[in-house]
PDB file of N, CA and C in Angstrom:
ATOM      1  N   MET A   1    -110.108  11.462  -2.138  1.00  0.00           N
ATOM      2  CA  MET A   1    -109.091  11.127  -1.182  1.00  0.00           C
ATOM      3  C   MET A   1    -109.112   9.788  -0.786  1.00  0.00           C
ATOM      4  N   SER A   2    -108.169   8.694  -1.161  1.00  0.00           N
ATOM      5  CA  SER A   2    -108.280   7.628  -0.821  1.00  0.00           C
ATOM      6  C   SER A   2    -107.792   7.281   0.493  1.00  0.00           C
ATOM      7  N   MET A   3    -108.202   7.078   1.718  1.00  0.00           N
ATOM      8  CA  MET A   3    -107.754   6.874   2.916  1.00  0.00           C
ATOM      9  C   MET A   3    -107.953   5.147   3.386  1.00  0.00           C
ATOM     10  N   ASP A   4    -107.079   4.753   3.678  1.00  0.00           N
ATOM     11  CA  ASP A   4    -107.382   3.206   4.208  1.00  0.00           C
ATOM     12  C   ASP A   4    -107.426   3.306   5.674  1.00  0.00           C
ATOM     13  N   PRO A   5    -108.680   2.682   6.233  1.00  0.00           N
ATOM     14  CA  PRO A   5    -109.152   2.703   7.445  1.00  0.00           C
ATOM     15  C   PRO A   5    -107.941   2.038   8.219  1.00  0.00           C
ATOM     16  N   SER A   6    -107.310   1.195   7.719  1.00  0.00           N
ATOM     17  CA  SER A   6    -106.332   0.282   8.462  1.00  0.00           C
ATOM     18  C   SER A   6    -105.079   0.920   8.679  1.00  0.00           C
ATOM     19  N   LYS A   7    -104.650   2.266   8.034  1.00  0.00           N
ATOM     20  CA  LYS A   7    -103.660   2.775   8.082  1.00  0.00           C
ATOM     21  C   LYS A   7    -103.199   4.005   8.853  1.00  0.00           C
ATOM     22  N   TRP A   8    -104.322   4.268   9.651  1.00  0.00           N
ATOM     23  CA  TRP A   8    -104.215   5.351  10.587  1.00  0.00           C
ATOM     24  C   TRP A   8    -103.515   4.977  11.775  1.00  0.00           C
ATOM     25  N   ILE A   9    -102.351   5.865  12.246  1.00  0.00           N
ATOM     26  CA  ILE A   9    -101.328   5.757  13.043  1.00  0.00           C
ATOM     27  C   ILE A   9    -101.470   6.672  14.276  1.00  0.00           C
ATOM     28  N   SER A  10    -100.812   6.437  15.333  1.00  0.00           N
ATOM     29  CA  SER A  10    -100.807   7.532  16.480  1.00  0.00           C
ATOM     30  C   SER A  10     -99.471   8.243  15.953  1.00  0.00           C
ATOM     31  N   TYR A  11     -99.688   9.399  16.982  1.00  0.00           N
ATOM     32  CA  TYR A  11     -98.565  10.534  16.481  1.00  0.00           C
ATOM     33  C   TYR A  11     -97.317   9.904  16.878  1.00  0.00           C
ATOM     34  N   GLU A  12     -96.831   8.874  17.579  1.00  0.00           N
ATOM     35  CA  GLU A  12     -95.522   8.406  17.957  1.00  0.00           C
ATOM     36  C   GLU A  12     -95.004   7.912  16.882  1.00  0.00           C
ATOM     37  N   LYS A  13     -96.132   6.989  16.096  1.00  0.00           N
ATOM     38  CA  LYS A  13     -95.446   6.320  14.864  1.00  0.00           C
ATOM     39  C   LYS A  13     -95.305   7.255  13.854  1.00  0.00           C
ATOM     40  N   LEU A  14     -95.621   8.515  13.653  1.00  0.00           N
ATOM     41  CA  LEU A  14     -94.768   9.204  12.536  1.00  0.00           C
ATOM     42  C   LEU A  14     -93.663   9.393  12.468  1.00  0.00           C
ATOM     43  N   THR A  15     -92.958   9.713  11.600  1.00  0.00           N
ATOM     44  CA  THR A  15     -91.503   9.841  11.280  1.00  0.00           C
ATOM     45  C   THR A  15     -91.221  11.003  12.157  1.00  0.00           C
ATOM     46  N   SER A  16     -89.982  11.329  12.711  1.00  0.00           N
ATOM     47  CA  SER A  16     -89.522  12.322  13.454  1.00  0.00           C
ATOM     48  C   SER A  16     -89.504  13.600  12.679  1.00  0.00           C
ATOM     49  N   GLY A  17     -89.119  13.838  11.405  1.00  0.00           N
ATOM     50  CA  GLY A  17     -89.205  14.971  10.689  1.00  0.00           C
ATOM     51  C   GLY A  17     -90.608  15.429  10.436  1.00  0.00           C
ATOM     52  N   THR A  18     -91.638  14.305  10.226  1.00  0.00           N
ATOM     53  CA  THR A  18     -93.193  14.992  10.265  1.00  0.00           C
ATOM     54  C   THR A  18     -93.566  15.367  11.683  1.00  0.00           C
ATOM     55  N   ARG A  19     -93.069  14.911  12.863  1.00  0.00           N
ATOM     56  CA  ARG A  19     -93.630  15.347  14.086  1.00  0.00           C
ATOM     57  C   ARG A  19     -92.957  16.764  14.439  1.00  0.00           C
ATOM     58  N   GLN A  20     -92.087  16.897  13.985  1.00  0.00           N
ATOM     59  CA  GLN A  20     -91.180  18.485  14.212  1.00  0.00           C
ATOM     60  C   GLN A  20     -91.861  19.255  13.354  1.00  0.00           C
ATOM     61  N   ARG A  21     -92.241  18.883  12.449  1.00  0.00           N
ATOM     62  CA  ARG A  21     -92.774  19.963  11.419  1.00  0.00           C
ATOM     63  C   ARG A  21     -94.461  20.151  12.151  1.00  0.00           C
ATOM     64  N   ILE A  22     -94.986  19.224  12.589  1.00  0.00           N
ATOM     65  CA  ILE A  22     -96.728  19.228  13.125  1.00  0.00           C
ATOM     66  C   ILE A  22     -96.188  20.161  14.293  1.00  0.00           C
ATOM     67  N   GLU A  23     -95.095  19.741  15.523  1.00  0.00           N
ATOM     68  CA  GLU A  23     -95.008  20.734  16.249  1.00  0.00           C
ATOM     69  C   GLU A  23     -94.984  22.250  16.130  1.00  0.00           C
ATOM     70  N   ALA A  24     -93.968  22.540  15.137  1.00  0.00           N
ATOM     71  CA  ALA A  24     -93.642  23.906  14.644  1.00  0.00           C
ATOM     72  C   ALA A  24     -94.928  24.620  14.245  1.00  0.00           C
ATOM     73  N   VAL A  25     -95.676  23.814  13.340  1.00  0.00           N
ATOM     74  CA  VAL A  25     -96.892  24.635  12.523  1.00  0.00           C
ATOM     75  C   VAL A  25     -98.148  24.455  13.465  1.00  0.00           C
ATOM     76  N   TYR A  26     -98.260  23.668  14.267  1.00  0.00           N
ATOM     77  CA  TYR A  26     -99.495  23.383  15.202  1.00  0.00           C
ATOM     78  C   TYR A  26     -99.131  22.990  16.361  1.00  0.00           C
ATOM     79  N   PRO A  27     -98.597  23.916  17.439  1.00  0.00           N
ATOM     80  CA  PRO A  27     -97.973  23.634  18.766  1.00  0.00           C
ATOM     81  C   PRO A  27     -99.034  23.403  19.743  1.00  0.00           C
ATOM     82  N   TYR A  28    -100.102  23.918  19.252  1.00  0.00           N
ATOM     83  CA  TYR A  28    -101.516  23.647  20.076  1.00  0.00           C
ATOM     84  C   TYR A  28    -102.352  22.430  19.932  1.00  0.00           C
ATOM     85  N   LEU A  29    -102.012  21.751  19.110  1.00  0.00           N
ATOM     86  CA  LEU A  29    -102.735  20.608  18.450  1.00  0.00           C
ATOM     87  C   LEU A  29    -102.272  19.330  19.836  1.00  0.00           C
ATOM     88  N   LYS A  30    -103.581  19.086  19.860  1.00  0.00           N
ATOM     89  CA  LYS A  30    -103.765  17.797  21.224  1.00  0.00           C
ATOM     90  C   LYS A  30    -103.690  16.276  19.935  1.00  0.00           C
ATOM     91  N   VAL A  31    -102.328  16.013  20.202  1.00  0.00           N
ATOM     92  CA  VAL A  31    -102.233  14.851  19.290  1.00  0.00           C
ATOM     93  C   VAL A  31    -102.567  13.515  19.812  1.00  0.00           C
ATOM     94  N   GLU A  32    -102.695  13.640  21.241  1.00  0.00           N
ATOM     95  CA  GLU A  32    -103.080  12.268  21.930  1.00  0.00           C
ATOM     96  C   GLU A  32    -104.748  11.880  21.413  1.00  0.00           C
ATOM     97  N   ASN A  33    -105.492  12.967  20.798  1.00  0.00           N
ATOM     98  CA  ASN A  33    -106.906  12.551  20.211  1.00  0.00           C
ATOM     99  C   ASN A  33    -106.966  12.406  19.088  1.00  0.00           C
ATOM    100  N   CYS A  34    -105.888  12.363  18.267  1.00  0.00           N
ATOM    101  CA  CYS A  34    -105.730  12.214  16.712  1.00  0.00           C
ATOM    102  C   CYS A  34    -105.138  11.217  16.223  1.00  0.00           C
ATOM    103  N   VAL A  35    -105.559  10.886  14.842  1.00  0.00           N
ATOM    104  CA  VAL A  35    -104.573   9.726  14.402  1.00  0.00           C
ATOM    105  C   VAL A  35    -104.359   9.995  13.285  1.00  0.00           C
ATOM    106  N   PHE A  36    -103.108   9.764  12.396  1.00  0.00           N
ATOM    107  CA  PHE A  36    -102.743  10.335  11.257  1.00  0.00           C
ATOM    108  C   PHE A  36    -102.165   9.355  10.085  1.00  0.00           C
ATOM    109  N   GLN A  37    -102.152   9.816   8.868  1.00  0.00           N
ATOM    110  CA  GLN A  37    -101.576   9.157   7.849  1.00  0.00           C
ATOM    111  C   GLN A  37    -100.628   9.823   7.219  1.00  0.00           C
ATOM    112  N   GLU A  38     -99.552   9.246   6.788  1.00  0.00           N
ATOM    113  CA  GLU A  38     -98.318   9.899   5.867  1.00  0.00           C
ATOM    114  C   GLU A  38     -98.513   9.672   4.606  1.00  0.00           C
ATOM    115  N   LYS A  39     -98.909  10.571   3.774  1.00  0.00           N
ATOM    116  CA  LYS A  39     -98.872   9.737   2.102  1.00  0.00           C
ATOM    117  C   LYS A  39     -97.733  10.795   1.353  1.00  0.00           C
ATOM    118  N   THR A  40     -97.507  10.104   0.140  1.00  0.00           N
ATOM    119  CA  THR A  40     -96.570  11.244  -0.575  1.00  0.00           C
ATOM    120  C   THR A  40     -97.455  12.436  -1.224  1.00  0.00           C
ATOM    121  N   SER A  41     -99.013  12.327  -0.539  1.00  0.00           N
ATOM    122  CA  SER A  41     -99.419  13.727  -0.895  1.00  0.00           C
ATOM    123  C   SER A  41     -99.482  14.683   0.268  1.00  0.00           C
ATOM    124  N   GLY A  42     -99.086  14.201   1.365  1.00  0.00           N
ATOM    125  CA  GLY A  42     -99.133  15.178   2.553  1.00  0.00           C
ATOM    126  C   GLY A  42     -99.444  14.224   3.772  1.00  0.00           C
ATOM    127  N   VAL A  43     -99.418  14.978   4.872  1.00  0.00           N
ATOM    128  CA  VAL A  43    -100.188  14.089   6.106  1.00  0.00           C
ATOM    129  C   VAL A  43    -101.237  14.602   6.529  1.00  0.00           C
ATOM    130  N   PHE A  44    -102.088  13.575   6.709  1.00  0.00           N
ATOM    131  CA  PHE A  44    -103.383  13.913   7.142  1.00  0.00           C
ATOM    132  C   PHE A  44    -103.956  13.415   8.628  1.00  0.00           C
ATOM    133  N   MET A  45    -104.799  14.087   9.189  1.00  0.00           N
ATOM    134  CA  MET A  45    -105.153  13.886  10.837  1.00  0.00           C
ATOM    135  C   MET A  45    -106.657  13.645  10.635  1.00  0.00           C
ATOM    136  N   LYS A  46    -107.303  12.927  11.712  1.00  0.00           N
ATOM    137  CA  LYS A  46    -108.494  12.515  12.113  1.00  0.00           C
ATOM    138  C   LYS A  46    -108.604  12.755  13.323  1.00  0.00           C
ATOM    139  N   GLN A  47    -109.645  13.496  14.209  1.00  0.00           N
ATOM    140  CA  GLN A  47    -109.771  13.514  15.410  1.00  0.00           C
ATOM    141  C   GLN A  47    -110.676  12.307  15.990  1.00  0.00           C
ATOM    142  N   GLY A  48    -110.273  11.871  17.054  1.00  0.00           N
ATOM    143  CA  GLY A  48    -111.194  10.744  17.710  1.00  0.00           C
ATOM    144  C   GLY A  48    -111.865   9.913  16.901  1.00  0.00           C
ATOM    145  N   ASN A  49    -113.225   9.790  16.737  1.00  0.00           N
ATOM    146  CA  ASN A  49    -114.252   8.897  16.253  1.00  0.00           C
ATOM    147  C   ASN A  49    -114.638   9.907  14.951  1.00  0.00           C
ATOM    148  N   SER A  50    -113.974  10.936  14.569  1.00  0.00           N
ATOM    149  CA  SER A  50    -114.466  11.652  13.697  1.00  0.00           C
ATOM    150  C   SER A  50    -114.470  11.155  12.262  1.00  0.00           C
ATOM    151  N   VAL A  51    -115.725  11.696  11.339  1.00  0.00           N
ATOM    152  CA  VAL A  51    -115.268  11.080   9.940  1.00  0.00           C
ATOM    153  C   VAL A  51    -114.539  12.187   9.168  1.00  0.00           C
ATOM    154  N   LYS A  52    -114.102  13.658   9.933  1.00  0.00           N
ATOM    155  CA  LYS A  52    -113.550  14.571   9.173  1.00  0.00           C
ATOM    156  C   LYS A  52    -112.269  14.377   8.985  1.00  0.00           C
ATOM    157  N   ILE A  53    -111.591  14.658   7.668  1.00  0.00           N
ATOM    158  CA  ILE A  53    -110.056  14.172   7.561  1.00  0.00           C
ATOM    159  C   ILE A  53    -109.667  15.641   7.452  1.00  0.00           C
ATOM    160  N   GLU A  54    -108.575  16.168   7.769  1.00  0.00           N
ATOM    161  CA  GLU A  54    -107.971  17.428   7.640  1.00  0.00           C
ATOM    162  C   GLU A  54    -106.436  17.185   7.160  1.00  0.00           C
ATOM    163  N   LYS A  55    -106.050  17.861   5.979  1.00  0.00           N
ATOM    164  CA  LYS A  55    -104.666  17.964   5.580  1.00  0.00           C
ATOM    165  C   LYS A  55    -103.774  18.818   6.450  1.00  0.00           C
ATOM    166  N   LEU A  56    -103.028  18.423   6.964  1.00  0.00           N
ATOM    167  CA  LEU A  56    -102.158  19.013   7.840  1.00  0.00           C
ATOM    168  C   LEU A  56    -100.741  19.747   7.135  1.00  0.00           C
ATOM    169  N   LEU A  57    -100.010  18.975   6.455  1.00  0.00           N
ATOM    170  CA  LEU A  57     -99.063  19.354   5.721  1.00  0.00           C
ATOM    171  C   LEU A  57     -98.828  18.957   4.683  1.00  0.00           C
ATOM    172  N   ASP A  58     -98.136  19.641   3.750  1.00  0.00           N
ATOM    173  CA  ASP A  58     -97.948  19.454   2.140  1.00  0.00           C
ATOM    174  C   ASP A  58     -96.948  18.683   2.166  1.00  0.00           C
ATOM    175  N   PRO A  59     -96.671  17.620   1.072  1.00  0.00           N
ATOM    176  CA  PRO A  59     -95.342  16.899   1.182  1.00  0.00           C
ATOM    177  C   PRO A  59     -94.223  17.937   1.036  1.00  0.00           C
ATOM    178  N   MET A  60     -93.033  17.600   1.693  1.00  0.00           N
ATOM    179  CA  MET A  60     -91.851  18.308   1.667  1.00  0.00           C
ATOM    180  C   MET A  60     -91.320  18.514   0.288  1.00  0.00           C
ATOM    181  N   ARG A  61     -90.950  19.508  -0.080  1.00  0.00           N
ATOM    182  CA  ARG A  61     -90.500  19.934  -1.071  1.00  0.00           C
ATOM    183  C   ARG A  61     -88.935  19.981  -1.192  1.00  0.00           C
ATOM    184  N   THR A  62     -88.153  19.130  -2.118  1.00  0.00           N
ATOM    185  CA  THR A  62     -86.743  18.925  -2.211  1.00  0.00           C
ATOM    186  C   THR A  62     -86.525  19.822  -3.276  1.00  0.00           C
ATOM    187  N   PRO A  63     -85.468  20.870  -2.799  1.00  0.00           N
ATOM    188  CA  PRO A  63     -84.867  21.860  -3.967  1.00  0.00           C
ATOM    189  C   PRO A  63     -84.539  20.950  -5.325  1.00  0.00           C
ATOM    190  N   ALA A  64     -84.664  21.552  -6.109  1.00  0.00           N
ATOM    191  CA  ALA A  64     -84.661  21.087  -7.597  1.00  0.00           C
ATOM    192  C   ALA A  64     -82.851  21.294  -7.784  1.00  0.00           C
ATOM    193  N   PRO A  65     -82.415  20.475  -8.743  1.00  0.00           N
ATOM    194  CA  PRO A  65     -80.933  20.511  -8.533  1.00  0.00           C
ATOM    195  C   PRO A  65     -80.718  21.766  -9.955  1.00  0.00           C
ATOM    196  N   THR A  66     -79.791  22.581  -9.296  1.00  0.00           N
ATOM    197  CA  THR A  66     -79.641  23.449 -10.224  1.00  0.00           C
ATOM    198  C   THR A  66     -78.613  23.179 -11.445  1.00  0.00           C
ATOM    199  N   ALA A  67     -78.832  23.886 -12.447  1.00  0.00           N
ATOM    200  CA  ALA A  67     -78.108  23.444 -13.682  1.00  0.00           C
ATOM    201  C   ALA A  67     -76.933  24.602 -13.901  1.00  0.00           C
ATOM    202  N   PRO A  68     -75.758  23.840 -13.757  1.00  0.00           N
ATOM    203  CA  PRO A  68     -74.307  24.531 -14.056  1.00  0.00           C
ATOM    204  C   PRO A  68     -74.575  25.705 -14.822  1.00  0.00           C
ATOM    205  N   ARG A  69     -74.197  27.102 -14.467  1.00  0.00           N
ATOM    206  CA  ARG A  69     -74.257  28.045 -15.435  1.00  0.00           C
ATOM    207  C   ARG A  69     -73.657  28.289 -16.598  1.00  0.00           C
ATOM    208  N   SER A  70     -73.984  28.660 -17.871  1.00  0.00           N
ATOM    209  CA  SER A  70     -73.346  28.685 -19.110  1.00  0.00           C
ATOM    210  C   SER A  70     -72.181  29.757 -19.062  1.00  0.00           C
ATOM    211  N   GLN A  71     -70.890  29.430 -19.345  1.00  0.00           N
ATOM    212  CA  GLN A  71     -70.028  30.379 -18.984  1.00  0.00           C
ATOM    213  C   GLN A  71     -69.551  31.235 -20.471  1.00  0.00           C
ATOM    214  N   GLY A  72     -70.298  30.606 -21.535  1.00  0.00           N
ATOM    215  CA  GLY A  72     -70.402  31.073 -22.861  1.00  0.00           C
ATOM    216  C   GLY A  72     -68.725  31.151 -23.286  1.00  0.00           C
ATOM    217  N   ASN A  73     -68.235  31.958 -23.823  1.00  0.00           N
ATOM    218  CA  ASN A  73     -66.832  31.906 -23.965  1.00  0.00           C
ATOM    219  C   ASN A  73     -65.850  32.328 -22.656  1.00  0.00           C
ATOM    220  N   ALA A  74     -65.169  30.571 -22.512  1.00  0.00           N
ATOM    221  CA  ALA A  74     -64.611  30.893 -21.209  1.00  0.00           C
ATOM    222  C   ALA A  74     -63.481  31.614 -21.156  1.00  0.00           C
ATOM    223  N   SER A  75     -62.798  32.167 -22.148  1.00  0.00           N
ATOM    224  CA  SER A  75     -61.505  32.533 -22.390  1.00  0.00           C
ATOM    225  C   SER A  75     -61.704  34.054 -21.972  1.00  0.00           C
ATOM    226  N   PRO A  76     -60.489  34.722 -20.971  1.00  0.00           N
ATOM    227  CA  PRO A  76     -60.665  35.779 -20.556  1.00  0.00           C
ATOM    228  C   PRO A  76     -60.626  36.957 -21.858  1.00  0.00           C
ATOM    229  N   ARG A  77     -61.034  38.074 -21.640  1.00  0.00           N
ATOM    230  CA  ARG A  77     -61.170  39.106 -22.798  1.00  0.00           C
ATOM    231  C   ARG A  77     -59.784  39.723 -22.650  1.00  0.00           C
ATOM    232  N   VAL A  78     -59.323  40.305 -23.225  1.00  0.00           N
ATOM    233  CA  VAL A  78     -57.943  41.043 -23.350  1.00  0.00           C
ATOM    234  C   VAL A  78     -58.116  42.291 -23.828  1.00  0.00           C
ATOM    235  N   LYS A  79     -57.968  43.413 -23.454  1.00  0.00           N
ATOM    236  CA  LYS A  79     -58.118  44.647 -24.203  1.00  0.00           C
ATOM    237  C   LYS A  79     -57.027  44.925 -24.903  1.00  0.00           C
ATOM    238  N   ARG A  80     -57.177  45.211 -26.038  1.00  0.00           N
ATOM    239  CA  ARG A  80     -55.997  45.665 -26.974  1.00  0.00           C
ATOM    240  C   ARG A  80     -55.989  47.029 -27.219  1.00  0.00           C
ATOM    241  N   GLY A  81     -54.638  47.596 -27.149  1.00  0.00           N
ATOM    242  CA  GLY A  81     -54.580  48.818 -28.047  1.00  0.00           C
ATOM    243  C   GLY A  81     -54.273  49.807 -27.248  1.00  0.00           C
TER     244      GLY A  81
END
């Protein structure tokens, strides 16, 4: 895990979506004692002067685009007889 020491930021500098997700999942977290890094692989946290880094959140998953369903023979069936 490559963590650039110069990229640790305070809670207030996280994006609003990330702050909302952290508050929902970790309502008890004392964010004033932590620094964070938002990466494409997730959101990471370090407390105070600790060297231990924890992954708080996985990256947001965007729903995969759905392919239109194949209609097969699009003409209506007519019952004969």
